[in-house]
N, C-alpha and C. Protein backbone atom coordinates (compact mmCIF):
# COMPACT_ATOMS: atom_id res chain seq x y z
N MET A 1 -18.73 -0.75 1.36
CA MET A 1 -17.78 -0.26 2.34
C MET A 1 -17.44 -1.41 3.29
N PRO A 2 -16.15 -1.67 3.53
CA PRO A 2 -15.77 -2.76 4.43
C PRO A 2 -16.12 -2.43 5.88
N PRO A 3 -16.28 -3.47 6.71
CA PRO A 3 -16.60 -3.19 8.12
C PRO A 3 -15.44 -2.48 8.80
N TYR A 4 -15.80 -1.69 9.78
CA TYR A 4 -14.77 -0.99 10.55
C TYR A 4 -13.97 -1.98 11.37
N ILE A 5 -12.70 -1.69 11.54
CA ILE A 5 -11.83 -2.50 12.38
C ILE A 5 -11.52 -1.67 13.62
N VAL A 6 -11.99 -2.11 14.75
CA VAL A 6 -11.75 -1.43 16.02
C VAL A 6 -11.11 -2.44 16.95
N LEU A 7 -10.07 -2.05 17.62
CA LEU A 7 -9.39 -2.93 18.55
C LEU A 7 -8.93 -4.21 17.86
N GLY A 8 -8.66 -4.13 16.56
CA GLY A 8 -8.21 -5.31 15.83
C GLY A 8 -9.30 -6.31 15.52
N MET A 9 -10.57 -5.92 15.69
CA MET A 9 -11.69 -6.83 15.47
C MET A 9 -12.68 -6.21 14.48
N ARG A 10 -13.24 -7.06 13.61
CA ARG A 10 -14.32 -6.61 12.74
C ARG A 10 -15.60 -6.52 13.57
N ASP A 11 -16.59 -5.82 13.01
CA ASP A 11 -17.86 -5.65 13.72
C ASP A 11 -18.48 -6.98 14.12
N ASP A 12 -18.50 -7.95 13.19
CA ASP A 12 -19.11 -9.24 13.50
C ASP A 12 -18.33 -9.97 14.59
N GLU A 13 -17.02 -9.81 14.63
CA GLU A 13 -16.21 -10.44 15.67
C GLU A 13 -16.49 -9.81 17.04
N ILE A 14 -16.73 -8.51 17.05
CA ILE A 14 -17.07 -7.81 18.29
C ILE A 14 -18.38 -8.34 18.84
N LEU A 15 -19.39 -8.47 17.98
CA LEU A 15 -20.69 -8.96 18.43
C LEU A 15 -20.62 -10.41 18.91
N LYS A 16 -19.84 -11.23 18.24
CA LYS A 16 -19.69 -12.63 18.66
C LYS A 16 -18.94 -12.72 19.99
N ALA A 17 -17.92 -11.89 20.17
CA ALA A 17 -17.17 -11.89 21.43
C ALA A 17 -18.07 -11.43 22.58
N PHE A 18 -18.87 -10.40 22.33
CA PHE A 18 -19.82 -9.95 23.34
C PHE A 18 -20.80 -11.06 23.69
N GLY A 19 -21.33 -11.71 22.67
CA GLY A 19 -22.29 -12.79 22.89
C GLY A 19 -21.72 -13.95 23.68
N LYS A 20 -20.48 -14.29 23.38
CA LYS A 20 -19.82 -15.38 24.11
C LYS A 20 -19.66 -15.02 25.58
N GLN A 21 -19.25 -13.78 25.85
CA GLN A 21 -19.10 -13.32 27.23
C GLN A 21 -20.46 -13.29 27.93
N LEU A 22 -21.48 -12.82 27.24
CA LEU A 22 -22.82 -12.77 27.82
C LEU A 22 -23.29 -14.17 28.21
N ARG A 23 -23.14 -15.14 27.31
CA ARG A 23 -23.54 -16.51 27.60
C ARG A 23 -22.78 -17.07 28.79
N GLU A 24 -21.46 -16.84 28.82
CA GLU A 24 -20.65 -17.36 29.92
C GLU A 24 -21.10 -16.77 31.26
N LEU A 25 -21.32 -15.47 31.30
CA LEU A 25 -21.75 -14.83 32.55
C LEU A 25 -23.15 -15.29 32.96
N ARG A 26 -24.03 -15.47 31.98
CA ARG A 26 -25.38 -15.95 32.28
C ARG A 26 -25.33 -17.36 32.88
N GLU A 27 -24.53 -18.21 32.29
CA GLU A 27 -24.40 -19.58 32.80
C GLU A 27 -23.77 -19.60 34.19
N GLN A 28 -22.76 -18.76 34.41
CA GLN A 28 -22.14 -18.67 35.73
C GLN A 28 -23.14 -18.21 36.78
N ALA A 29 -24.07 -17.36 36.36
CA ALA A 29 -25.10 -16.86 37.28
C ALA A 29 -26.22 -17.87 37.49
N GLY A 30 -26.19 -18.95 36.71
CA GLY A 30 -27.22 -19.98 36.83
C GLY A 30 -28.58 -19.54 36.29
N LEU A 31 -28.57 -18.67 35.30
CA LEU A 31 -29.81 -18.15 34.73
C LEU A 31 -30.08 -18.75 33.36
N SER A 32 -31.34 -18.98 33.06
CA SER A 32 -31.74 -19.36 31.71
C SER A 32 -31.80 -18.09 30.87
N GLN A 33 -31.87 -18.27 29.56
CA GLN A 33 -32.04 -17.10 28.69
C GLN A 33 -33.33 -16.38 29.02
N GLU A 34 -34.37 -17.15 29.32
CA GLU A 34 -35.66 -16.56 29.65
C GLU A 34 -35.58 -15.69 30.90
N LYS A 35 -34.92 -16.20 31.95
CA LYS A 35 -34.81 -15.45 33.21
C LYS A 35 -33.96 -14.19 33.02
N LEU A 36 -32.84 -14.32 32.32
CA LEU A 36 -32.01 -13.14 32.10
C LEU A 36 -32.79 -12.09 31.32
N ALA A 37 -33.51 -12.52 30.29
CA ALA A 37 -34.31 -11.58 29.51
C ALA A 37 -35.35 -10.90 30.39
N GLU A 38 -35.98 -11.67 31.26
CA GLU A 38 -36.98 -11.10 32.16
C GLU A 38 -36.35 -10.06 33.09
N PHE A 39 -35.22 -10.41 33.69
CA PHE A 39 -34.56 -9.50 34.64
C PHE A 39 -34.03 -8.24 33.94
N ALA A 40 -33.65 -8.37 32.67
CA ALA A 40 -33.10 -7.23 31.93
C ALA A 40 -34.18 -6.50 31.13
N ASP A 41 -35.43 -6.93 31.27
CA ASP A 41 -36.55 -6.34 30.54
C ASP A 41 -36.31 -6.39 29.04
N ALA A 42 -35.88 -7.56 28.57
CA ALA A 42 -35.62 -7.78 27.15
C ALA A 42 -36.47 -8.96 26.69
N HIS A 43 -36.66 -9.08 25.40
CA HIS A 43 -37.37 -10.24 24.86
C HIS A 43 -36.41 -11.41 24.82
N ARG A 44 -36.90 -12.60 25.15
CA ARG A 44 -36.06 -13.79 25.20
C ARG A 44 -35.38 -14.05 23.85
N ASN A 45 -36.08 -13.82 22.75
CA ASN A 45 -35.48 -14.02 21.43
C ASN A 45 -34.32 -13.05 21.18
N HIS A 46 -34.46 -11.83 21.67
CA HIS A 46 -33.40 -10.84 21.51
C HIS A 46 -32.18 -11.23 22.33
N GLU A 47 -32.42 -11.74 23.53
CA GLU A 47 -31.31 -12.17 24.38
C GLU A 47 -30.54 -13.30 23.69
N GLY A 48 -31.26 -14.26 23.14
CA GLY A 48 -30.61 -15.36 22.43
C GLY A 48 -29.85 -14.88 21.21
N LEU A 49 -30.42 -13.93 20.51
CA LEU A 49 -29.76 -13.36 19.33
C LEU A 49 -28.47 -12.65 19.73
N MET A 50 -28.48 -11.94 20.84
CA MET A 50 -27.26 -11.28 21.32
C MET A 50 -26.19 -12.32 21.64
N GLU A 51 -26.58 -13.42 22.27
CA GLU A 51 -25.60 -14.46 22.61
C GLU A 51 -24.97 -15.09 21.38
N ARG A 52 -25.71 -15.12 20.29
CA ARG A 52 -25.18 -15.69 19.04
C ARG A 52 -24.43 -14.65 18.20
N GLY A 53 -24.35 -13.42 18.68
CA GLY A 53 -23.66 -12.37 17.94
C GLY A 53 -24.47 -11.82 16.80
N GLY A 54 -25.79 -12.02 16.85
CA GLY A 54 -26.65 -11.57 15.77
C GLY A 54 -27.39 -10.28 16.04
N ALA A 55 -27.11 -9.65 17.18
CA ALA A 55 -27.77 -8.39 17.51
C ALA A 55 -26.74 -7.44 18.11
N ASN A 56 -26.94 -6.17 17.86
CA ASN A 56 -26.05 -5.13 18.35
C ASN A 56 -26.77 -4.43 19.51
N PRO A 57 -26.46 -4.81 20.77
CA PRO A 57 -27.18 -4.22 21.90
C PRO A 57 -26.84 -2.75 22.12
N THR A 58 -27.82 -2.01 22.57
CA THR A 58 -27.59 -0.61 22.90
C THR A 58 -26.83 -0.52 24.21
N LEU A 59 -26.31 0.65 24.48
CA LEU A 59 -25.63 0.89 25.75
C LEU A 59 -26.58 0.62 26.92
N LEU A 60 -27.83 1.05 26.80
CA LEU A 60 -28.80 0.83 27.87
C LEU A 60 -29.07 -0.66 28.08
N MET A 61 -29.07 -1.43 26.99
CA MET A 61 -29.27 -2.88 27.12
C MET A 61 -28.07 -3.52 27.81
N ILE A 62 -26.87 -3.07 27.48
CA ILE A 62 -25.67 -3.61 28.14
C ILE A 62 -25.74 -3.34 29.64
N VAL A 63 -26.16 -2.15 30.01
CA VAL A 63 -26.30 -1.80 31.43
C VAL A 63 -27.38 -2.66 32.08
N ALA A 64 -28.51 -2.85 31.41
CA ALA A 64 -29.59 -3.68 31.96
C ALA A 64 -29.13 -5.13 32.14
N LEU A 65 -28.40 -5.66 31.17
CA LEU A 65 -27.88 -7.02 31.28
C LEU A 65 -26.90 -7.12 32.45
N ALA A 66 -26.02 -6.14 32.57
CA ALA A 66 -25.05 -6.14 33.67
C ALA A 66 -25.76 -6.11 35.02
N ARG A 67 -26.77 -5.29 35.15
CA ARG A 67 -27.53 -5.24 36.40
C ARG A 67 -28.16 -6.60 36.69
N ALA A 68 -28.76 -7.20 35.68
CA ALA A 68 -29.41 -8.50 35.86
C ALA A 68 -28.40 -9.58 36.24
N LEU A 69 -27.18 -9.46 35.73
CA LEU A 69 -26.13 -10.44 36.03
C LEU A 69 -25.33 -10.07 37.28
N LYS A 70 -25.62 -8.88 37.82
CA LYS A 70 -24.90 -8.38 39.00
C LYS A 70 -23.40 -8.25 38.76
N VAL A 71 -23.08 -7.67 37.59
CA VAL A 71 -21.68 -7.39 37.25
C VAL A 71 -21.61 -5.95 36.73
N ARG A 72 -20.41 -5.43 36.64
CA ARG A 72 -20.22 -4.10 36.05
C ARG A 72 -20.36 -4.23 34.53
N PRO A 73 -20.88 -3.21 33.84
CA PRO A 73 -21.02 -3.30 32.38
C PRO A 73 -19.71 -3.66 31.67
N ALA A 74 -18.59 -3.19 32.17
CA ALA A 74 -17.29 -3.49 31.55
C ALA A 74 -17.02 -4.99 31.50
N LYS A 75 -17.57 -5.75 32.43
CA LYS A 75 -17.37 -7.20 32.46
C LYS A 75 -17.91 -7.84 31.18
N LEU A 76 -18.97 -7.26 30.62
CA LEU A 76 -19.55 -7.80 29.40
C LEU A 76 -18.67 -7.51 28.17
N LEU A 77 -17.74 -6.60 28.31
CA LEU A 77 -16.89 -6.20 27.18
C LEU A 77 -15.47 -6.74 27.29
N GLU A 78 -15.20 -7.61 28.24
CA GLU A 78 -13.83 -8.07 28.49
C GLU A 78 -13.21 -8.84 27.33
N ARG A 79 -14.00 -9.47 26.51
CA ARG A 79 -13.44 -10.27 25.40
C ARG A 79 -13.03 -9.43 24.20
N LEU A 80 -13.34 -8.15 24.23
CA LEU A 80 -12.94 -7.28 23.13
C LEU A 80 -11.44 -7.03 23.22
N ARG A 81 -10.76 -7.20 22.12
CA ARG A 81 -9.31 -7.04 22.13
C ARG A 81 -8.88 -5.97 21.18
């Protein structure tokens, strides 16, 4: 079965766009992957995997990341088109 196309993007493109936005916001906040993972109560390897588009974060993880970055959850989804 082919991947779903939502908003004109394949699943892998969605995850990569999310990861790129996550990395950009983390860097703007001046946080290392380790610190962001700590603040979001996530494992550092999982945080890195999300940034590379290799993990599909849950809604609760997106909220935890947003809290740690001090942004609204929607900010993490801005690159989705």
